[in-house]
């Protein structure tokens, strides 16, 4: 659990943004953790571009079932709409000290959040040995290639729908207040007494967690549900935290490919839940939810565990199949 304490001034600086680079990283993030939640055509595009353009360094750092992904790859959006070239420039020119500190977290993990240390592939360590400045420049180049090959051709339509989501969030804020709007972003996001809380999906509360003071928060709608992504610079804590949440319209659109009910159920399983819990969240009868959960379990999309008399279901993030 990460708790972001916000003063009144910080709340006043809270805003939304549409970021092309965050969409690229959100896609890579979701491919690592819940690959089958990404529509097949997007998985295929990503795989073809990563393999065809030899983007191994980017894939090794950004596609992971667990572990920390360095936050210098997702610079703070400077404006409501940012140009991808400007964002890539920020990645390429990331301060050496920041790159070094964040790659140290990749290697050591984050004990407060239960994030394990990672063992990077040799190509990551070799690239890092050549210097942090060149390391950041190479990653910016690979991110640019991924963007232009996968998302760039579709950006006009994607960005329009992301902006539609932001307009809808504005309406919800007008009717429910900021706290009510935030509570509807994702089941793992909450708001209480001036503190924004973000739970790592699927993680129990027994980890100590982190408490940081934010200068504000930037909310970015994500095109690839159901992933929730947080970028907050744990090494120094000087930047504005960015929360990427699933956009409403795009979540429904992606769900139609899997089947609306089953996609909605799968989206609720970022943490272990019972059949009754899922049924109450998606508005279906327990018997209907049970039927769909059995099909998802047979298909390898969810795992099933028993705790005392209760059976819990949780979405599976298969590292070996993340680009299949």
C-alpha atoms as a PDB file:
ATOM      1  CA  UNK A   1       0.000   0.000   0.000  1.00  0.00           C
ATOM      2  CA  UNK A   2       1.248   3.455  -0.902  1.00  0.00           C
ATOM      3  CA  UNK A   3      -0.327   6.391   0.907  1.00  0.00           C
ATOM      4  CA  UNK A   4       0.108   9.835  -0.606  1.00  0.00           C
ATOM      5  CA  UNK A   5      -0.622  12.629   1.864  1.00  0.00           C
ATOM      6  CA  UNK A   6      -1.938  15.766   0.166  1.00  0.00           C
ATOM      7  CA  UNK A   7      -2.198  19.233   1.644  1.00  0.00           C
ATOM      8  CA  UNK A   8      -4.915  21.632   0.498  1.00  0.00           C
ATOM      9  CA  UNK A   9      -2.392  23.221  -1.864  1.00  0.00           C
ATOM     10  CA  UNK A  10      -1.470  19.801  -3.252  1.00  0.00           C
ATOM     11  CA  UNK A  11      -5.130  18.978  -3.864  1.00  0.00           C
ATOM     12  CA  UNK A  12      -5.436  22.278  -5.747  1.00  0.00           C
ATOM     13  CA  UNK A  13      -2.574  21.164  -8.012  1.00  0.00           C
ATOM     14  CA  UNK A  14      -4.098  17.752  -8.739  1.00  0.00           C
ATOM     15  CA  UNK A  15      -4.873  17.385 -12.432  1.00  0.00           C
ATOM     16  CA  UNK A  16      -5.367  15.036 -15.395  1.00  0.00           C
ATOM     17  CA  UNK A  17      -3.134  14.490 -18.406  1.00  0.00           C
ATOM     18  CA  UNK A  18      -3.116  12.586 -21.693  1.00  0.00           C
ATOM     19  CA  UNK A  19       0.363  11.167 -22.172  1.00  0.00           C
ATOM     20  CA  UNK A  20       1.522   9.133 -25.197  1.00  0.00           C
ATOM     21  CA  UNK A  21       4.562   7.774 -23.372  1.00  0.00           C
ATOM     22  CA  UNK A  22       2.495   6.626 -20.421  1.00  0.00           C
ATOM     23  CA  UNK A  23       0.265   4.665 -22.809  1.00  0.00           C
ATOM     24  CA  UNK A  24       3.321   2.847 -24.166  1.00  0.00           C
ATOM     25  CA  UNK A  25       4.537   2.033 -20.667  1.00  0.00           C
ATOM     26  CA  UNK A  26       1.017   1.094 -19.533  1.00  0.00           C
ATOM     27  CA  UNK A  27       0.797  -1.420 -22.377  1.00  0.00           C
ATOM     28  CA  UNK A  28       4.189  -2.908 -21.482  1.00  0.00           C
ATOM     29  CA  UNK A  29       3.243  -2.932 -17.781  1.00  0.00           C
ATOM     30  CA  UNK A  30      -0.030  -4.761 -18.459  1.00  0.00           C
ATOM     31  CA  UNK A  31       1.666  -7.244 -20.786  1.00  0.00           C
ATOM     32  CA  UNK A  32       3.950  -8.187 -17.917  1.00  0.00           C
ATOM     33  CA  UNK A  33       1.302  -8.587 -15.238  1.00  0.00           C
ATOM     34  CA  UNK A  34      -1.970  -9.497 -16.970  1.00  0.00           C
ATOM     35  CA  UNK A  35      -1.094 -10.313 -20.581  1.00  0.00           C
ATOM     36  CA  UNK A  36      -4.365 -12.038 -21.446  1.00  0.00           C
ATOM     37  CA  UNK A  37      -6.306  -8.948 -20.419  1.00  0.00           C
ATOM     38  CA  UNK A  38      -4.711  -7.129 -23.388  1.00  0.00           C
ATOM     39  CA  UNK A  39      -6.649  -7.657 -26.648  1.00  0.00           C
ATOM     40  CA  UNK A  40      -4.911 -10.152 -28.905  1.00  0.00           C
ATOM     41  CA  UNK A  41      -4.216  -7.697 -31.731  1.00  0.00           C
ATOM     42  CA  UNK A  42      -2.337  -5.382 -29.336  1.00  0.00           C
ATOM     43  CA  UNK A  43      -0.306  -8.278 -27.946  1.00  0.00           C
ATOM     44  CA  UNK A  44       0.574  -9.295 -31.490  1.00  0.00           C
ATOM     45  CA  UNK A  45       1.611  -5.763 -32.493  1.00  0.00           C
ATOM     46  CA  UNK A  46       3.753  -5.386 -29.388  1.00  0.00           C
ATOM     47  CA  UNK A  47       5.470  -8.731 -29.888  1.00  0.00           C
ATOM     48  CA  UNK A  48       6.179  -8.096 -33.574  1.00  0.00           C
ATOM     49  CA  UNK A  49       7.675  -4.655 -32.892  1.00  0.00           C
ATOM     50  CA  UNK A  50       9.762  -5.790 -29.913  1.00  0.00           C
ATOM     51  CA  UNK A  51      11.173  -8.743 -31.817  1.00  0.00           C
ATOM     52  CA  UNK A  52      11.435  -7.085 -35.224  1.00  0.00           C
ATOM     53  CA  UNK A  53      13.108  -3.908 -33.967  1.00  0.00           C
ATOM     54  CA  UNK A  54      15.219  -5.683 -31.327  1.00  0.00           C
ATOM     55  CA  UNK A  55      13.914  -3.805 -28.332  1.00  0.00           C
ATOM     56  CA  UNK A  56      15.319  -6.272 -25.833  1.00  0.00           C
ATOM     57  CA  UNK A  57      16.546  -3.745 -23.276  1.00  0.00           C
ATOM     58  CA  UNK A  58      13.134  -2.090 -23.018  1.00  0.00           C
ATOM     59  CA  UNK A  59      11.353  -5.449 -22.812  1.00  0.00           C
ATOM     60  CA  UNK A  60      13.694  -6.715 -20.093  1.00  0.00           C
ATOM     61  CA  UNK A  61      12.974  -3.718 -17.851  1.00  0.00           C
ATOM     62  CA  UNK A  62       9.350  -2.893 -18.632  1.00  0.00           C
ATOM     63  CA  UNK A  63       7.711  -6.312 -19.133  1.00  0.00           C
ATOM     64  CA  UNK A  64       7.806  -8.047 -15.777  1.00  0.00           C
ATOM     65  CA  UNK A  65       5.307 -10.061 -13.770  1.00  0.00           C
ATOM     66  CA  UNK A  66       6.714  -8.481 -10.626  1.00  0.00           C
ATOM     67  CA  UNK A  67       9.496  -6.213  -9.497  1.00  0.00           C
ATOM     68  CA  UNK A  68      10.180  -2.514  -9.818  1.00  0.00           C
ATOM     69  CA  UNK A  69      10.274  -0.739 -13.182  1.00  0.00           C
ATOM     70  CA  UNK A  70      12.464   2.394 -13.110  1.00  0.00           C
ATOM     71  CA  UNK A  71      10.350   5.550 -12.958  1.00  0.00           C
ATOM     72  CA  UNK A  72      12.650   7.650 -15.126  1.00  0.00           C
ATOM     73  CA  UNK A  73      10.978   5.804 -18.024  1.00  0.00           C
ATOM     74  CA  UNK A  74       7.758   7.649 -17.145  1.00  0.00           C
ATOM     75  CA  UNK A  75       8.626  11.330 -16.645  1.00  0.00           C
ATOM     76  CA  UNK A  76       6.032  13.603 -15.100  1.00  0.00           C
ATOM     77  CA  UNK A  77       3.634  14.905 -17.802  1.00  0.00           C
ATOM     78  CA  UNK A  78       4.411  18.592 -18.183  1.00  0.00           C
ATOM     79  CA  UNK A  79       1.062  19.551 -19.702  1.00  0.00           C
ATOM     80  CA  UNK A  80      -2.445  18.262 -20.284  1.00  0.00           C
ATOM     81  CA  UNK A  81      -1.348  17.057 -23.719  1.00  0.00           C
ATOM     82  CA  UNK A  82       2.311  16.233 -24.246  1.00  0.00           C
ATOM     83  CA  UNK A  83       4.184  15.483 -27.459  1.00  0.00           C
ATOM     84  CA  UNK A  84       5.861  12.095 -27.427  1.00  0.00           C
ATOM     85  CA  UNK A  85       9.107  13.667 -28.660  1.00  0.00           C
ATOM     86  CA  UNK A  86       9.228  15.940 -25.603  1.00  0.00           C
ATOM     87  CA  UNK A  87       8.572  13.033 -23.256  1.00  0.00           C
ATOM     88  CA  UNK A  88      11.247  10.874 -24.892  1.00  0.00           C
ATOM     89  CA  UNK A  89      13.720  13.745 -24.539  1.00  0.00           C
ATOM     90  CA  UNK A  90      13.090  13.731 -20.776  1.00  0.00           C
ATOM     91  CA  UNK A  91      13.846  10.010 -20.669  1.00  0.00           C
ATOM     92  CA  UNK A  92      17.035  10.406 -22.712  1.00  0.00           C
ATOM     93  CA  UNK A  93      18.302  13.242 -20.496  1.00  0.00           C
ATOM     94  CA  UNK A  94      17.333  11.754 -17.124  1.00  0.00           C
ATOM     95  CA  UNK A  95      19.927  12.754 -14.493  1.00  0.00           C
ATOM     96  CA  UNK A  96      22.662  10.185 -14.034  1.00  0.00           C
ATOM     97  CA  UNK A  97      22.053  10.129 -10.270  1.00  0.00           C
ATOM     98  CA  UNK A  98      18.401   9.278 -10.765  1.00  0.00           C
ATOM     99  CA  UNK A  99      19.113   6.501 -13.269  1.00  0.00           C
ATOM    100  CA  UNK A 100      21.710   5.030 -10.906  1.00  0.00           C
ATOM    101  CA  UNK A 101      19.391   5.193  -7.873  1.00  0.00           C
ATOM    102  CA  UNK A 102      16.415   3.664  -9.651  1.00  0.00           C
ATOM    103  CA  UNK A 103      18.427   0.868 -11.225  1.00  0.00           C
ATOM    104  CA  UNK A 104      19.685   0.181  -7.717  1.00  0.00           C
ATOM    105  CA  UNK A 105      16.053  -0.339  -6.689  1.00  0.00           C
ATOM    106  CA  UNK A 106      15.583  -2.732  -9.612  1.00  0.00           C
ATOM    107  CA  UNK A 107      18.429  -4.836  -8.219  1.00  0.00           C
ATOM    108  CA  UNK A 108      17.530  -4.570  -4.522  1.00  0.00           C
ATOM    109  CA  UNK A 109      13.717  -4.404  -4.617  1.00  0.00           C
ATOM    110  CA  UNK A 110      11.454  -2.408  -2.298  1.00  0.00           C
ATOM    111  CA  UNK A 111      10.987  -4.236   0.998  1.00  0.00           C
ATOM    112  CA  UNK A 112       8.305  -1.821   2.259  1.00  0.00           C
ATOM    113  CA  UNK A 113       6.048  -2.830  -0.618  1.00  0.00           C
ATOM    114  CA  UNK A 114       7.022  -6.481  -0.811  1.00  0.00           C
ATOM    115  CA  UNK A 115       8.593  -5.918  -4.243  1.00  0.00           C
ATOM    116  CA  UNK A 116      11.336  -8.482  -4.782  1.00  0.00           C
ATOM    117  CA  UNK A 117      14.779  -7.815  -6.159  1.00  0.00           C
ATOM    118  CA  UNK A 118      15.163  -8.609  -9.834  1.00  0.00           C
ATOM    119  CA  UNK A 119      17.967 -10.373 -11.642  1.00  0.00           C
ATOM    120  CA  UNK A 120      18.296  -8.371 -14.858  1.00  0.00           C
ATOM    121  CA  UNK A 121      19.397 -10.120 -17.994  1.00  0.00           C
ATOM    122  CA  UNK A 122      23.007  -9.746 -19.050  1.00  0.00           C
ATOM    123  CA  UNK A 123      22.078  -7.212 -21.741  1.00  0.00           C
ATOM    124  CA  UNK A 124      20.706  -4.873 -19.047  1.00  0.00           C
ATOM    125  CA  UNK A 125      23.869  -5.073 -16.955  1.00  0.00           C
ATOM    126  CA  UNK A 126      26.082  -4.703 -20.024  1.00  0.00           C
ATOM    127  CA  UNK A 127      24.190  -1.586 -21.142  1.00  0.00           C
ATOM    128  CA  UNK A 128      24.378  -0.138 -17.638  1.00  0.00           C
ATOM    129  CA  UNK A 129      28.119  -0.764 -17.448  1.00  0.00           C
ATOM    130  CA  UNK A 130      28.576   1.574 -20.429  1.00  0.00           C
ATOM    131  CA  UNK A 131      27.285   4.494 -18.366  1.00  0.00           C
ATOM    132  CA  UNK A 132      23.933   5.749 -17.070  1.00  0.00           C
ATOM    133  CA  UNK A 133      23.661   8.535 -19.632  1.00  0.00           C
ATOM    134  CA  UNK A 134      24.044   6.175 -22.582  1.00  0.00           C
ATOM    135  CA  UNK A 135      21.735   3.703 -20.841  1.00  0.00           C
ATOM    136  CA  UNK A 136      18.941   6.306 -20.654  1.00  0.00           C
ATOM    137  CA  UNK A 137      19.504   7.384 -24.270  1.00  0.00           C
ATOM    138  CA  UNK A 138      19.254   3.809 -25.513  1.00  0.00           C
ATOM    139  CA  UNK A 139      16.029   3.211 -23.593  1.00  0.00           C
ATOM    140  CA  UNK A 140      14.557   6.443 -24.978  1.00  0.00           C
ATOM    141  CA  UNK A 141      15.395   5.224 -28.474  1.00  0.00           C
ATOM    142  CA  UNK A 142      13.757   1.855 -27.875  1.00  0.00           C
ATOM    143  CA  UNK A 143      10.696   3.490 -26.319  1.00  0.00           C
ATOM    144  CA  UNK A 144      10.416   5.728 -29.376  1.00  0.00           C
ATOM    145  CA  UNK A 145      10.600   2.722 -31.683  1.00  0.00           C
ATOM    146  CA  UNK A 146       7.945   0.902 -29.650  1.00  0.00           C
ATOM    147  CA  UNK A 147       5.678   3.948 -29.690  1.00  0.00           C
ATOM    148  CA  UNK A 148       5.989   4.561 -33.428  1.00  0.00           C
ATOM    149  CA  UNK A 149       5.500   0.901 -34.311  1.00  0.00           C
ATOM    150  CA  UNK A 150       2.648   0.024 -31.957  1.00  0.00           C
ATOM    151  CA  UNK A 151       0.713   3.068 -30.754  1.00  0.00           C
ATOM    152  CA  UNK A 152       1.630   5.940 -33.055  1.00  0.00           C
ATOM    153  CA  UNK A 153      -0.570   4.871 -35.993  1.00  0.00           C
ATOM    154  CA  UNK A 154      -3.601   4.643 -33.680  1.00  0.00           C
ATOM    155  CA  UNK A 155      -2.949   7.642 -31.458  1.00  0.00           C
ATOM    156  CA  UNK A 156      -5.580   9.989 -32.875  1.00  0.00           C
ATOM    157  CA  UNK A 157      -8.405   7.624 -31.997  1.00  0.00           C
ATOM    158  CA  UNK A 158      -6.909   6.503 -28.700  1.00  0.00           C
ATOM    159  CA  UNK A 159      -6.230  10.019 -27.438  1.00  0.00           C
ATOM    160  CA  UNK A 160      -9.749  11.180 -28.329  1.00  0.00           C
ATOM    161  CA  UNK A 161     -11.251   8.393 -26.261  1.00  0.00           C
ATOM    162  CA  UNK A 162      -8.871   9.066 -23.369  1.00  0.00           C
ATOM    163  CA  UNK A 163      -9.961  12.698 -23.355  1.00  0.00           C
ATOM    164  CA  UNK A 164     -13.571  11.529 -23.336  1.00  0.00           C
ATOM    165  CA  UNK A 165     -12.809   9.589 -20.159  1.00  0.00           C
ATOM    166  CA  UNK A 166     -11.330  12.695 -18.543  1.00  0.00           C
ATOM    167  CA  UNK A 167     -14.458  14.665 -19.442  1.00  0.00           C
ATOM    168  CA  UNK A 168     -16.554  11.976 -17.786  1.00  0.00           C
ATOM    169  CA  UNK A 169     -14.372  12.114 -14.657  1.00  0.00           C
ATOM    170  CA  UNK A 170     -15.004  15.860 -14.545  1.00  0.00           C
ATOM    171  CA  UNK A 171     -18.746  15.218 -14.533  1.00  0.00           C
ATOM    172  CA  UNK A 172     -18.343  12.681 -11.733  1.00  0.00           C
ATOM    173  CA  UNK A 173     -16.291  15.170  -9.715  1.00  0.00           C
ATOM    174  CA  UNK A 174     -19.024  17.761 -10.130  1.00  0.00           C
ATOM    175  CA  UNK A 175     -21.626  15.326  -8.840  1.00  0.00           C
ATOM    176  CA  UNK A 176     -19.690  13.321  -6.251  1.00  0.00           C
ATOM    177  CA  UNK A 177     -16.781  15.526  -5.257  1.00  0.00           C
ATOM    178  CA  UNK A 178     -13.102  14.725  -5.756  1.00  0.00           C
ATOM    179  CA  UNK A 179     -13.146  11.883  -3.233  1.00  0.00           C
ATOM    180  CA  UNK A 180     -16.101  10.199  -4.898  1.00  0.00           C
ATOM    181  CA  UNK A 181     -14.505  10.474  -8.329  1.00  0.00           C
ATOM    182  CA  UNK A 182     -11.182   9.081  -7.086  1.00  0.00           C
ATOM    183  CA  UNK A 183     -12.906   6.126  -5.406  1.00  0.00           C
ATOM    184  CA  UNK A 184     -14.356   5.151  -8.780  1.00  0.00           C
ATOM    185  CA  UNK A 185     -11.047   5.109 -10.649  1.00  0.00           C
ATOM    186  CA  UNK A 186     -10.089   1.576  -9.621  1.00  0.00           C
ATOM    187  CA  UNK A 187     -10.935  -0.856  -6.778  1.00  0.00           C
ATOM    188  CA  UNK A 188      -7.394  -0.474  -5.426  1.00  0.00           C
ATOM    189  CA  UNK A 189      -7.517   3.345  -5.224  1.00  0.00           C
ATOM    190  CA  UNK A 190      -9.050   5.130  -2.237  1.00  0.00           C
ATOM    191  CA  UNK A 191      -9.370   8.579  -0.700  1.00  0.00           C
ATOM    192  CA  UNK A 192      -9.693   9.324   3.013  1.00  0.00           C
ATOM    193  CA  UNK A 193      -8.879  12.385   5.129  1.00  0.00           C
ATOM    194  CA  UNK A 194      -6.630  14.022   2.555  1.00  0.00           C
ATOM    195  CA  UNK A 195      -4.716  10.828   1.782  1.00  0.00           C
ATOM    196  CA  UNK A 196      -4.753   9.014  -1.544  1.00  0.00           C
ATOM    197  CA  UNK A 197      -4.099   5.297  -1.107  1.00  0.00           C
ATOM    198  CA  UNK A 198      -2.989   2.938  -3.871  1.00  0.00           C
ATOM    199  CA  UNK A 199      -2.762  -0.768  -3.198  1.00  0.00           C
ATOM    200  CA  UNK A 200      -0.527  -2.996  -5.299  1.00  0.00           C
ATOM    201  CA  UNK A 201      -3.060  -5.322  -6.975  1.00  0.00           C
ATOM    202  CA  UNK A 202      -3.060  -8.799  -5.517  1.00  0.00           C
ATOM    203  CA  UNK A 203      -0.878  -7.849  -2.535  1.00  0.00           C
ATOM    204  CA  UNK A 204      -2.064  -8.310   1.068  1.00  0.00           C
ATOM    205  CA  UNK A 205      -1.929  -5.490   3.590  1.00  0.00           C
ATOM    206  CA  UNK A 206       0.754  -7.135   5.715  1.00  0.00           C
ATOM    207  CA  UNK A 207       3.537  -5.271   3.901  1.00  0.00           C
ATOM    208  CA  UNK A 208       4.506  -2.094   5.807  1.00  0.00           C
ATOM    209  CA  UNK A 209       3.768   0.109   2.814  1.00  0.00           C
ATOM    210  CA  UNK A 210       5.045   3.580   2.044  1.00  0.00           C
ATOM    211  CA  UNK A 211       3.746   6.976   3.136  1.00  0.00           C
ATOM    212  CA  UNK A 212       4.861   9.933   1.062  1.00  0.00           C
ATOM    213  CA  UNK A 213       3.915  13.595   0.865  1.00  0.00           C
ATOM    214  CA  UNK A 214       2.884  14.530  -2.642  1.00  0.00           C
ATOM    215  CA  UNK A 215       3.087  18.005  -4.184  1.00  0.00           C
ATOM    216  CA  UNK A 216      -0.093  17.002  -6.036  1.00  0.00           C
ATOM    217  CA  UNK A 217      -1.265  14.044  -8.108  1.00  0.00           C
ATOM    218  CA  UNK A 218      -1.582  13.588 -11.860  1.00  0.00           C
ATOM    219  CA  UNK A 219      -4.257  11.166 -13.049  1.00  0.00           C
ATOM    220  CA  UNK A 220      -3.673   9.617 -16.485  1.00  0.00           C
ATOM    221  CA  UNK A 221      -6.323   7.420 -18.142  1.00  0.00           C
ATOM    222  CA  UNK A 222      -4.822   4.204 -19.494  1.00  0.00           C
ATOM    223  CA  UNK A 223      -5.838   2.479 -22.694  1.00  0.00           C
ATOM    224  CA  UNK A 224      -5.130  -1.063 -21.514  1.00  0.00           C
ATOM    225  CA  UNK A 225      -7.373  -2.246 -18.689  1.00  0.00           C
ATOM    226  CA  UNK A 226      -7.413  -3.611 -16.060  1.00  0.00           C
ATOM    227  CA  UNK A 227      -3.879  -2.545 -15.111  1.00  0.00           C
ATOM    228  CA  UNK A 228      -3.292   0.112 -12.455  1.00  0.00           C
ATOM    229  CA  UNK A 229       0.127   1.780 -12.600  1.00  0.00           C
ATOM    230  CA  UNK A 230       1.774   4.241 -10.217  1.00  0.00           C
ATOM    231  CA  UNK A 231       4.896   6.298 -10.886  1.00  0.00           C
ATOM    232  CA  UNK A 232       6.208   8.213  -7.890  1.00  0.00           C
ATOM    233  CA  UNK A 233      10.036   8.326  -7.780  1.00  0.00           C
ATOM    234  CA  UNK A 234      10.705   6.247  -4.650  1.00  0.00           C
ATOM    235  CA  UNK A 235      14.419   7.058  -4.789  1.00  0.00           C
ATOM    236  CA  UNK A 236      14.040  10.781  -4.082  1.00  0.00           C
ATOM    237  CA  UNK A 237      10.325  11.584  -3.814  1.00  0.00           C
ATOM    238  CA  UNK A 238      10.701  14.949  -5.541  1.00  0.00           C
ATOM    239  CA  UNK A 239       8.286  14.450  -8.425  1.00  0.00           C
ATOM    240  CA  UNK A 240       4.505  14.515  -8.581  1.00  0.00           C
ATOM    241  CA  UNK A 241       3.038  10.997  -8.276  1.00  0.00           C
ATOM    242  CA  UNK A 242       1.222   9.810 -11.416  1.00  0.00           C
ATOM    243  CA  UNK A 243      -1.650   7.316 -11.216  1.00  0.00           C
ATOM    244  CA  UNK A 244      -2.580   5.509 -14.442  1.00  0.00           C
ATOM    245  CA  UNK A 245      -6.066   4.009 -14.221  1.00  0.00           C
ATOM    246  CA  UNK A 246      -8.190   2.092 -16.788  1.00  0.00           C
ATOM    247  CA  UNK A 247     -10.214   4.426 -19.007  1.00  0.00           C
ATOM    248  CA  UNK A 248     -13.937   3.731 -18.934  1.00  0.00           C
ATOM    249  CA  UNK A 249     -14.780   3.459 -22.609  1.00  0.00           C
ATOM    250  CA  UNK A 250     -11.673   1.544 -23.562  1.00  0.00           C
ATOM    251  CA  UNK A 251     -12.213  -0.925 -20.725  1.00  0.00           C
ATOM    252  CA  UNK A 252     -15.642  -1.772 -22.122  1.00  0.00           C
ATOM    253  CA  UNK A 253     -14.318  -1.967 -25.666  1.00  0.00           C
ATOM    254  CA  UNK A 254     -11.558  -4.392 -24.719  1.00  0.00           C
ATOM    255  CA  UNK A 255     -14.049  -6.400 -22.707  1.00  0.00           C
ATOM    256  CA  UNK A 256     -16.243  -7.047 -25.710  1.00  0.00           C
ATOM    257  CA  UNK A 257     -13.487  -9.187 -27.225  1.00  0.00           C
ATOM    258  CA  UNK A 258     -13.413 -11.511 -24.227  1.00  0.00           C
ATOM    259  CA  UNK A 259     -17.107 -11.312 -23.511  1.00  0.00           C
ATOM    260  CA  UNK A 260     -18.503  -8.413 -21.512  1.00  0.00           C
ATOM    261  CA  UNK A 261     -19.368 -10.361 -18.351  1.00  0.00           C
ATOM    262  CA  UNK A 262     -16.160 -12.368 -18.216  1.00  0.00           C
ATOM    263  CA  UNK A 263     -14.006  -9.317 -18.862  1.00  0.00           C
ATOM    264  CA  UNK A 264     -15.783  -7.420 -16.079  1.00  0.00           C
ATOM    265  CA  UNK A 265     -15.226 -10.357 -13.740  1.00  0.00           C
ATOM    266  CA  UNK A 266     -11.561 -10.644 -14.731  1.00  0.00           C
ATOM    267  CA  UNK A 267     -11.064  -6.920 -14.135  1.00  0.00           C
ATOM    268  CA  UNK A 268     -12.184  -7.393 -10.510  1.00  0.00           C
ATOM    269  CA  UNK A 269      -9.661 -10.166  -9.888  1.00  0.00           C
ATOM    270  CA  UNK A 270      -6.527  -8.038  -9.549  1.00  0.00           C
ATOM    271  CA  UNK A 271      -6.718  -9.339  -5.963  1.00  0.00           C
ATOM    272  CA  UNK A 272      -8.139 -12.585  -4.602  1.00  0.00           C
ATOM    273  CA  UNK A 273     -11.935 -12.449  -4.199  1.00  0.00           C
ATOM    274  CA  UNK A 274     -14.769 -14.861  -3.459  1.00  0.00           C
ATOM    275  CA  UNK A 275     -17.604 -15.570  -5.873  1.00  0.00           C
ATOM    276  CA  UNK A 276     -20.008 -13.580  -3.711  1.00  0.00           C
ATOM    277  CA  UNK A 277     -17.625 -10.608  -3.575  1.00  0.00           C
ATOM    278  CA  UNK A 278     -17.216 -10.570  -7.357  1.00  0.00           C
ATOM    279  CA  UNK A 279     -20.975 -10.938  -7.878  1.00  0.00           C
ATOM    280  CA  UNK A 280     -21.690  -7.877  -5.721  1.00  0.00           C
ATOM    281  CA  UNK A 281     -19.130  -5.842  -7.661  1.00  0.00           C
ATOM    282  CA  UNK A 282     -20.259  -6.694 -11.201  1.00  0.00           C
ATOM    283  CA  UNK A 283     -24.010  -6.829 -10.551  1.00  0.00           C
ATOM    284  CA  UNK A 284     -24.528 -10.483 -11.539  1.00  0.00           C
ATOM    285  CA  UNK A 285     -25.949 -13.401  -9.579  1.00  0.00           C
ATOM    286  CA  UNK A 286     -23.479 -15.615  -7.705  1.00  0.00           C
ATOM    287  CA  UNK A 287     -24.476 -18.617  -9.842  1.00  0.00           C
ATOM    288  CA  UNK A 288     -23.747 -16.706 -13.055  1.00  0.00           C
ATOM    289  CA  UNK A 289     -20.409 -15.476 -11.719  1.00  0.00           C
ATOM    290  CA  UNK A 290     -19.539 -19.013 -10.610  1.00  0.00           C
ATOM    291  CA  UNK A 291     -20.200 -20.295 -14.139  1.00  0.00           C
ATOM    292  CA  UNK A 292     -17.911 -17.675 -15.681  1.00  0.00           C
ATOM    293  CA  UNK A 293     -15.211 -18.218 -13.043  1.00  0.00           C
ATOM    294  CA  UNK A 294     -15.127 -21.922 -13.838  1.00  0.00           C
ATOM    295  CA  UNK A 295     -14.655 -21.139 -17.531  1.00  0.00           C
ATOM    296  CA  UNK A 296     -11.906 -18.612 -16.780  1.00  0.00           C
ATOM    297  CA  UNK A 297     -10.210 -21.144 -14.491  1.00  0.00           C
ATOM    298  CA  UNK A 298     -10.309 -23.845 -17.156  1.00  0.00           C
ATOM    299  CA  UNK A 299      -8.834 -21.368 -19.614  1.00  0.00           C
ATOM    300  CA  UNK A 300      -5.917 -20.613 -17.305  1.00  0.00           C
ATOM    301  CA  UNK A 301      -6.914 -16.967 -16.779  1.00  0.00           C
ATOM    302  CA  UNK A 302      -7.546 -17.243 -13.037  1.00  0.00           C
ATOM    303  CA  UNK A 303      -6.125 -19.284 -10.163  1.00  0.00           C
ATOM    304  CA  UNK A 304      -8.257 -20.793  -7.421  1.00  0.00           C
ATOM    305  CA  UNK A 305      -7.248 -21.184  -3.763  1.00  0.00           C
ATOM    306  CA  UNK A 306      -9.146 -22.313  -0.663  1.00  0.00           C
ATOM    307  CA  UNK A 307      -8.938 -20.471   2.650  1.00  0.00           C
ATOM    308  CA  UNK A 308     -10.853 -22.229   5.377  1.00  0.00           C
ATOM    309  CA  UNK A 309     -14.376 -22.618   3.926  1.00  0.00           C
ATOM    310  CA  UNK A 310     -14.028 -19.947   1.255  1.00  0.00           C
ATOM    311  CA  UNK A 311     -12.723 -20.314  -2.315  1.00  0.00           C
ATOM    312  CA  UNK A 312     -10.864 -17.314  -3.720  1.00  0.00           C
ATOM    313  CA  UNK A 313     -10.165 -16.479  -7.358  1.00  0.00           C
ATOM    314  CA  UNK A 314      -7.395 -14.243  -8.686  1.00  0.00           C
ATOM    315  CA  UNK A 315      -6.270 -13.279 -12.187  1.00  0.00           C
ATOM    316  CA  UNK A 316      -3.159 -15.046 -13.411  1.00  0.00           C
ATOM    317  CA  UNK A 317      -0.193 -13.043 -14.774  1.00  0.00           C
ATOM    318  CA  UNK A 318       1.811 -15.645 -16.673  1.00  0.00           C
ATOM    319  CA  UNK A 319       5.380 -14.327 -17.192  1.00  0.00           C
ATOM    320  CA  UNK A 320       6.174 -16.975 -19.755  1.00  0.00           C
ATOM    321  CA  UNK A 321       3.172 -16.090 -21.874  1.00  0.00           C
ATOM    322  CA  UNK A 322       3.159 -12.354 -21.535  1.00  0.00           C
ATOM    323  CA  UNK A 323       3.645 -11.721 -25.248  1.00  0.00           C
ATOM    324  CA  UNK A 324       1.692 -14.676 -26.589  1.00  0.00           C
END
